Protein backbone atom coordinates (compact mmCIF):
# COMPACT_ATOMS: atom_id res chain seq x y z
CA MET A 1 -185.08 -70.76 -55.24
CA PRO A 2 -183.82 -67.33 -56.37
CA ALA A 3 -182.55 -67.05 -59.90
CA ALA A 4 -178.94 -67.91 -60.46
CA PRO A 5 -176.35 -65.81 -62.25
CA VAL A 6 -175.83 -66.96 -65.80
CA ARG A 7 -172.48 -67.39 -67.66
CA LEU A 8 -172.22 -65.69 -71.03
CA ARG A 9 -170.52 -66.92 -74.26
CA PRO A 10 -167.64 -64.96 -75.70
CA ASN A 11 -169.08 -62.09 -77.83
CA LEU A 12 -166.30 -60.47 -79.66
CA ILE A 13 -167.68 -58.49 -82.68
CA ASP A 14 -166.24 -57.33 -85.87
CA HIS A 15 -165.87 -53.55 -86.13
CA PHE A 16 -164.46 -50.72 -88.30
CA TYR A 17 -161.09 -50.60 -86.43
CA ARG A 18 -158.37 -53.04 -85.54
CA GLY A 19 -157.68 -54.77 -82.24
CA GLY A 20 -158.93 -57.61 -79.90
CA ARG A 21 -155.77 -59.60 -78.94
CA ARG A 22 -156.03 -58.68 -75.25
CA ILE A 23 -159.64 -59.55 -75.03
CA ALA A 24 -158.90 -62.92 -76.57
CA ASP A 25 -156.14 -63.46 -73.94
CA LEU A 26 -158.33 -62.61 -71.00
CA ARG A 27 -161.30 -64.59 -72.32
CA GLY A 28 -159.24 -67.62 -73.49
CA VAL A 29 -160.62 -67.47 -77.02
CA VAL A 30 -159.12 -67.08 -80.49
CA THR A 31 -159.97 -63.90 -82.71
CA THR A 32 -161.19 -64.77 -86.23
CA SER A 33 -160.23 -61.46 -87.74
CA PRO A 34 -157.86 -58.57 -86.85
CA ARG A 35 -160.89 -56.28 -86.47
CA GLN A 36 -162.54 -57.76 -83.28
CA PRO A 37 -161.66 -55.02 -80.87
CA GLU A 38 -164.73 -55.17 -78.80
CA GLU A 39 -166.66 -57.70 -76.69
CA TRP A 40 -170.07 -56.66 -75.66
CA ILE A 41 -170.79 -57.91 -72.14
CA ALA A 42 -174.33 -58.68 -71.09
CA ALA A 43 -175.55 -56.77 -74.18
CA THR A 44 -179.26 -56.54 -74.84
CA VAL A 45 -178.81 -53.95 -77.63
CA SER A 46 -177.29 -54.60 -81.02
CA ARG A 47 -174.85 -52.63 -83.17
CA ASP A 48 -176.50 -49.60 -84.85
CA GLY A 49 -178.00 -50.76 -88.21
CA HIS A 50 -177.87 -54.45 -87.28
CA ALA A 51 -180.65 -56.57 -85.87
CA THR A 52 -178.70 -59.03 -83.74
CA LEU A 53 -174.97 -58.22 -83.98
CA GLY A 54 -173.68 -57.56 -80.50
CA LEU A 55 -176.45 -59.22 -78.60
CA SER A 56 -175.16 -61.53 -75.68
CA SER A 57 -176.02 -65.11 -75.26
CA THR A 58 -175.82 -67.57 -72.38
CA GLU A 59 -173.59 -70.68 -72.41
CA ASP A 60 -176.72 -72.71 -73.37
CA GLY A 61 -177.45 -70.38 -76.37
CA ALA A 62 -180.38 -68.37 -74.95
CA VAL A 63 -180.31 -64.66 -76.09
CA LEU A 64 -180.03 -62.46 -73.01
CA ARG A 65 -182.35 -59.82 -74.46
CA ASP A 66 -185.11 -62.45 -74.84
CA LEU A 67 -184.57 -63.49 -71.24
CA VAL A 68 -184.83 -60.07 -69.88
CA ALA A 69 -187.82 -59.36 -72.09
CA ALA A 70 -189.71 -62.33 -70.79
CA ASP A 71 -189.15 -61.37 -67.06
CA PRO A 72 -187.96 -57.70 -66.84
CA VAL A 73 -188.74 -57.31 -63.22
CA GLY A 74 -186.88 -60.59 -62.29
CA TRP A 75 -183.92 -59.45 -64.27
CA THR A 76 -183.76 -55.79 -63.45
CA GLY A 77 -186.29 -55.01 -60.70
CA THR A 78 -188.21 -52.63 -63.10
CA PRO A 79 -190.24 -52.94 -66.19
CA GLY A 80 -187.64 -51.16 -68.31
CA ALA A 81 -188.02 -48.73 -71.11
CA TRP A 82 -188.33 -51.31 -73.75
CA PRO A 83 -188.31 -55.20 -73.94
CA GLY A 84 -184.83 -56.27 -72.76
CA ASP A 85 -183.76 -53.01 -71.39
CA THR A 86 -181.26 -53.33 -68.50
CA GLY A 87 -180.10 -49.70 -68.37
CA LEU A 88 -176.46 -50.74 -69.01
CA LEU A 89 -173.97 -51.90 -71.59
CA LEU A 90 -170.44 -53.09 -70.73
CA LYS A 91 -167.70 -53.66 -73.16
CA LEU A 92 -164.13 -54.79 -73.26
CA LEU A 93 -162.27 -52.68 -75.86
CA ASP A 94 -158.71 -53.40 -77.08
CA ALA A 95 -157.60 -50.64 -79.46
CA GLY A 96 -155.09 -51.98 -82.00
CA GLN A 97 -155.13 -48.60 -83.58
CA ARG A 98 -156.27 -45.04 -82.66
CA LEU A 99 -160.04 -44.81 -82.76
CA PRO A 100 -161.50 -42.07 -84.85
CA VAL A 101 -162.41 -38.80 -83.33
CA HIS A 102 -166.15 -39.03 -82.51
CA VAL A 103 -168.93 -37.93 -80.22
CA HIS A 104 -172.06 -39.33 -78.65
CA PRO A 105 -175.47 -37.64 -78.20
CA ASP A 106 -176.95 -37.03 -74.74
CA ARG A 107 -180.27 -38.18 -73.49
CA ALA A 108 -182.16 -35.04 -74.57
CA PHE A 109 -180.77 -35.19 -78.15
CA ALA A 110 -181.47 -38.98 -78.29
CA ALA A 111 -185.11 -38.46 -76.95
CA ARG A 112 -185.87 -35.74 -79.67
CA HIS A 113 -184.24 -37.27 -82.63
CA LEU A 114 -183.48 -40.96 -82.08
CA ASP A 115 -186.60 -42.00 -80.29
CA CYS A 116 -184.68 -43.36 -77.25
CA PRO A 117 -184.44 -42.40 -73.62
CA TYR A 118 -180.73 -43.10 -73.49
CA GLY A 119 -177.81 -41.17 -74.96
CA LYS A 120 -174.32 -42.55 -74.77
CA THR A 121 -172.44 -41.10 -71.90
CA GLU A 122 -169.58 -43.62 -71.22
CA ALA A 123 -166.59 -44.26 -69.03
CA TRP A 124 -163.23 -46.07 -69.53
CA LEU A 125 -161.43 -48.18 -67.01
CA VAL A 126 -157.89 -48.73 -68.39
CA LEU A 127 -156.98 -52.45 -67.75
CA ASP A 128 -153.70 -52.12 -69.71
CA ALA A 129 -151.81 -49.55 -71.67
CA GLU A 130 -148.65 -49.74 -73.76
CA PRO A 131 -145.89 -47.36 -72.83
CA GLY A 132 -146.71 -43.86 -74.12
CA ALA A 133 -150.38 -44.73 -74.79
CA ALA A 134 -152.96 -41.99 -74.37
CA VAL A 135 -156.55 -41.06 -74.92
CA HIS A 136 -157.96 -37.88 -76.38
CA LEU A 137 -160.83 -36.07 -74.63
CA GLY A 138 -162.42 -32.74 -75.12
CA TRP A 139 -161.37 -29.51 -76.89
CA ASP A 140 -158.42 -27.63 -75.33
CA ARG A 141 -159.81 -24.39 -76.69
CA ASP A 142 -163.20 -23.15 -77.95
CA VAL A 143 -163.58 -24.09 -81.58
CA ASP A 144 -165.64 -22.53 -84.36
CA PRO A 145 -168.33 -24.99 -85.60
CA ALA A 146 -167.53 -23.93 -89.17
CA ASP A 147 -163.88 -25.06 -88.63
CA VAL A 148 -165.03 -28.31 -87.18
CA VAL A 149 -167.17 -28.95 -90.26
CA ARG A 150 -164.33 -28.16 -92.62
CA ALA A 151 -161.97 -30.53 -90.72
CA ARG A 152 -164.68 -33.18 -90.79
CA ASP A 153 -165.32 -32.75 -94.52
CA GLU A 154 -161.58 -32.74 -95.39
CA GLN A 155 -160.97 -35.61 -92.84
CA ASP A 156 -158.30 -33.43 -91.19
CA GLY A 157 -157.91 -35.56 -88.01
CA ALA A 158 -154.63 -33.97 -87.25
CA TRP A 159 -156.45 -30.54 -86.86
CA MET A 160 -158.93 -32.16 -84.59
CA LEU A 161 -156.21 -33.90 -82.42
CA GLU A 162 -154.14 -30.71 -82.20
CA ARG A 163 -157.18 -29.06 -80.52
CA MET A 164 -157.99 -31.89 -78.04
CA HIS A 165 -156.44 -32.79 -74.74
CA ARG A 166 -154.18 -35.66 -74.90
CA LEU A 167 -154.14 -37.69 -71.64
CA PRO A 168 -151.44 -40.34 -71.11
CA VAL A 169 -153.08 -43.39 -69.36
CA ARG A 170 -151.89 -46.35 -67.24
CA ARG A 171 -153.62 -49.42 -65.71
CA GLY A 172 -156.29 -48.26 -63.13
CA ASP A 173 -157.07 -44.93 -64.82
CA ALA A 174 -160.72 -44.22 -65.13
CA VAL A 175 -162.19 -41.40 -67.29
CA LEU A 176 -165.88 -40.43 -67.57
CA VAL A 177 -166.77 -39.29 -71.12
CA PRO A 178 -169.93 -36.99 -70.87
CA ALA A 179 -172.14 -37.07 -73.94
CA GLY A 180 -171.28 -34.27 -76.41
CA THR A 181 -167.53 -34.45 -75.74
CA PRO A 182 -165.32 -35.25 -78.62
CA HIS A 183 -163.03 -38.17 -77.74
CA ALA A 184 -160.74 -40.93 -79.14
CA ILE A 185 -159.00 -43.84 -77.45
CA GLY A 186 -155.37 -44.18 -78.58
CA ALA A 187 -153.65 -47.32 -79.96
CA GLY A 188 -152.33 -49.73 -77.28
CA VAL A 189 -155.09 -48.99 -74.77
CA PHE A 190 -157.20 -51.82 -73.36
CA VAL A 191 -160.32 -50.75 -71.44
CA ALA A 192 -163.54 -51.83 -69.84
CA GLU A 193 -166.17 -49.42 -71.07
CA ALA A 194 -169.39 -48.81 -69.11
CA GLN A 195 -172.04 -46.95 -71.03
CA GLU A 196 -175.63 -46.20 -71.48
CA PRO A 197 -177.14 -49.03 -73.63
CA THR A 198 -177.03 -47.67 -77.18
CA ASP A 199 -174.73 -47.69 -80.15
CA PHE A 200 -175.05 -44.00 -80.97
CA SER A 201 -171.74 -42.73 -82.40
CA ILE A 202 -171.20 -39.70 -84.67
CA LEU A 203 -167.90 -39.92 -86.41
CA LEU A 204 -166.07 -36.75 -87.10
CA GLU A 205 -163.33 -38.78 -88.64
CA TRP A 206 -163.98 -42.01 -90.48
CA SER A 207 -161.01 -42.25 -92.91
CA VAL A 208 -158.86 -44.17 -90.34
CA THR A 209 -161.44 -46.81 -90.23
CA THR A 210 -163.52 -49.00 -92.70
CA SER A 211 -166.56 -46.89 -92.09
CA THR A 212 -167.89 -44.26 -94.58
CA ARG A 213 -169.28 -40.78 -94.33
CA GLU A 214 -172.79 -42.10 -94.82
CA GLU A 215 -172.32 -44.43 -91.93
CA SER A 216 -171.16 -41.69 -89.68
CA HIS A 217 -174.16 -39.58 -88.76
CA LEU A 218 -176.75 -42.07 -87.34
CA GLY A 219 -178.88 -41.56 -90.46
CA LEU A 220 -179.73 -38.06 -89.26
CA GLY A 221 -177.58 -36.12 -91.79
CA PHE A 222 -174.58 -34.17 -90.51
CA ASP A 223 -176.35 -30.81 -90.19
CA LEU A 224 -178.56 -32.36 -87.36
CA ALA A 225 -176.09 -34.83 -85.95
CA MET A 226 -173.38 -32.10 -85.45
CA GLN A 227 -175.83 -30.41 -82.97
CA ALA A 228 -174.84 -33.21 -80.47
CA LEU A 229 -171.26 -31.89 -80.42
CA GLN A 230 -169.99 -29.42 -77.90
CA HIS A 231 -167.70 -26.63 -79.19
CA HIS A 232 -166.49 -25.00 -75.99
CA ALA A 233 -163.27 -25.92 -74.29
CA THR A 234 -162.98 -28.59 -71.63
CA THR A 235 -160.98 -27.00 -68.78
CA ALA A 236 -158.24 -28.53 -66.75
CA ASP A 237 -160.46 -28.45 -63.70
CA ARG A 238 -163.22 -30.19 -65.74
CA LEU A 239 -160.75 -32.92 -66.90
CA ALA A 240 -159.72 -33.40 -63.20
CA SER A 241 -163.33 -33.87 -62.14
CA VAL A 242 -163.94 -36.78 -64.56
CA ALA A 243 -160.81 -38.72 -64.00
CA THR A 244 -159.68 -40.97 -61.14
CA TRP A 245 -157.16 -43.75 -60.55
CA THR A 246 -157.31 -47.05 -58.60
CA ASP A 247 -154.47 -49.49 -58.04
CA LEU A 248 -156.22 -52.65 -59.43
CA ASP A 249 -153.49 -54.82 -58.19
CA GLY A 250 -152.89 -53.59 -54.75
CA PRO A 251 -154.93 -53.73 -51.44
CA THR A 252 -158.41 -52.45 -51.79
CA ARG A 253 -161.62 -52.40 -49.88
CA PRO A 254 -163.84 -55.34 -50.60
CA LEU A 255 -165.96 -53.17 -52.87
CA THR A 256 -164.12 -50.18 -54.42
CA SER A 257 -165.82 -47.62 -56.70
CA LEU A 258 -163.83 -47.09 -59.80
CA LEU A 259 -165.52 -44.13 -61.44
CA PRO A 260 -166.13 -40.45 -60.45
CA ALA A 261 -169.34 -39.86 -58.68
CA GLU A 262 -170.75 -37.94 -61.70
CA ALA A 263 -171.03 -41.33 -63.34
CA ASP A 264 -173.61 -42.60 -60.83
CA PRO A 265 -176.77 -41.42 -62.58
CA PHE A 266 -175.73 -43.33 -65.77
CA PHE A 267 -173.88 -46.52 -64.57
CA ARG A 268 -171.67 -47.81 -61.71
CA LEU A 269 -168.43 -49.72 -61.93
CA ASP A 270 -166.73 -51.42 -59.00
CA LEU A 271 -163.90 -53.70 -58.15
CA ALA A 272 -165.18 -56.52 -55.96
CA THR A 273 -162.68 -58.70 -53.97
CA ASP A 274 -163.07 -61.15 -51.04
CA ASP A 275 -166.10 -60.55 -48.85
CA ALA A 276 -167.52 -57.84 -51.14
CA GLY A 277 -171.33 -57.57 -50.65
CA LEU A 278 -173.66 -56.33 -53.26
CA ASP A 279 -177.42 -55.59 -53.14
CA ALA A 280 -179.86 -57.32 -55.41
CA GLY A 281 -180.08 -55.83 -58.85
CA PHE A 282 -178.88 -56.51 -62.40
CA ALA A 283 -175.16 -56.58 -62.77
CA ALA A 284 -172.58 -57.55 -65.39
CA LEU A 285 -169.41 -59.29 -64.17
CA VAL A 286 -165.90 -59.75 -65.68
CA VAL A 287 -163.49 -61.81 -63.57
CA LEU A 288 -160.16 -60.00 -64.04
CA ASP A 289 -157.87 -62.34 -62.04
CA GLY A 290 -157.86 -65.22 -59.58
CA THR A 291 -160.53 -67.81 -58.60
CA GLY A 292 -163.44 -67.65 -56.11
CA GLU A 293 -167.13 -67.81 -55.83
CA LEU A 294 -170.27 -65.62 -55.98
CA VAL A 295 -172.42 -66.71 -53.09
CA GLY A 296 -176.04 -65.82 -52.40
CA ASP A 297 -179.45 -67.16 -51.74
CA HIS A 298 -179.24 -68.91 -55.14
CA GLY A 299 -176.26 -70.87 -53.89
CA SER A 300 -172.79 -70.48 -55.07
CA THR A 301 -171.28 -69.79 -58.58
CA SER A 302 -167.65 -70.42 -59.29
CA LEU A 303 -165.45 -67.74 -60.63
CA ARG A 304 -162.16 -67.75 -62.50
CA ARG A 305 -160.19 -65.39 -64.59
CA GLY A 306 -161.85 -64.63 -67.90
CA ASP A 307 -165.36 -65.55 -66.80
CA VAL A 308 -168.21 -63.22 -67.86
CA LEU A 309 -171.60 -63.44 -66.09
CA ALA A 310 -175.00 -61.70 -65.82
CA VAL A 311 -176.59 -61.47 -62.41
CA PRO A 312 -180.32 -61.05 -62.37
CA ALA A 313 -182.05 -58.99 -59.64
CA ALA A 314 -183.95 -62.03 -58.69
CA ALA A 315 -180.65 -63.64 -57.46
CA GLY A 316 -181.04 -61.32 -54.41
CA ASP A 317 -178.05 -60.00 -52.38
CA TRP A 318 -174.73 -61.61 -53.06
CA THR A 319 -171.14 -61.77 -51.85
CA VAL A 320 -167.80 -62.37 -53.60
CA ALA A 321 -165.47 -64.92 -51.84
CA GLY A 322 -162.03 -66.08 -52.50
CA ASP A 323 -158.71 -64.77 -54.03
CA VAL A 324 -160.37 -63.14 -56.96
CA ARG A 325 -160.96 -59.69 -58.53
CA VAL A 326 -164.09 -59.11 -60.21
CA LEU A 327 -165.24 -56.06 -62.34
CA VAL A 328 -168.91 -55.28 -61.51
CA ALA A 329 -170.97 -53.00 -63.76
CA ARG A 330 -174.49 -51.96 -62.66
CA PRO A 331 -177.07 -49.56 -64.09
CA GLY A 332 -177.04 -46.02 -62.87
CA VAL A 333 -179.19 -44.77 -60.04
CA SER A 334 -181.36 -42.88 -62.55
CA ARG A 335 -182.13 -44.94 -65.55
CA GLY A 336 -183.23 -43.50 -68.88
C-alpha cells in the first residue's frame, strides 16, 4: 500500500516581531504570546541558531525531519542534499507589525560561506491584507554601499524605506523575492511564504524587533554578509515580472499556478480545487477553505479548513475532490 499523507501539528513559533492572530484563526488554535507571527509548514529545517525550533511534527508526535531522513526516496523521490532535505519550506506569516528591512543570500553565496546548497529566494502569496497595507521590495534607485552601511549602523530605517518600492497588496497578490533583494512585509499583511529550506536572513534593520546587531549577520560579520545585498535599482519592468494576481475566491482551473514562472526552479505554489490532479512527489498542503478529500492509491484523506498535511512521494499521484480550496507547495524543478 502506498504511503499516506500525514497530518501535521500546529507549529507556531516565537519570533522577533509581532503577529500571529490570523494564523491562529485559520488553524483553530490559540497563540501563547503576541510574537508568534509564523507557522512553519512541513519544516525539516530549524530556526538559525536553534537545534529544533521550527521543526514540524506529525499528529502522533513524530518529527518530520526524522521521517524524511529515514526514507528520503520515499518522501521526496531523491536522496536529498542532507538528511531530511525536502527542497522546500512553506510558512504562514501574519505580520502584526512591519518587518525589518532585510535580505537573503543566493545559492552561490550560501555555498561559499554557509556550507549550504540553498540560499533563500522566497515568494509571498497574500491571503489577507488590511486596507492600505503594503510590502516593500527592491531599491527604487541605485544606492551607494557606503550609504547603506551608514543607514544600517545608525538604524535609519526611514532612509531605507524611502529608497525602496512600496507595493500596496490585496488578497491574491503573489510576489517573488529573488535572493539579494532588500525587502520588508508591512503590518497587516497575512501571507503564505514559499521559500528555499533555510533560515538565512541578514537584517539591515533590527531596532524595530527584539533582535540585536550581533544576531543580524548570520555569524559572518557584516563586512562579508553585506556582499549578499544588491545595490542597483529594481526597475518597474522587473517588479512587474515578479508579481502576479489570482482571484483566490472566484472560479479557477482545478490546478492554478500562483507564482511567476521564474519561481519554478526554486519552488512551486498552486491552488488546487475539485478534480485537481497532482503527480507523485513531496508536497506541503494548507486547506484554505471548505471540505473535501485527497484521493490516491493510498486511499482517501479528509480535508477541512485549517488542515495542514505533508504528502510523501510514495503516496503516488493524487487528486483533490470536494468543495475545497487547497494551497499546494512543492519543491522547485531544480533543487539545491
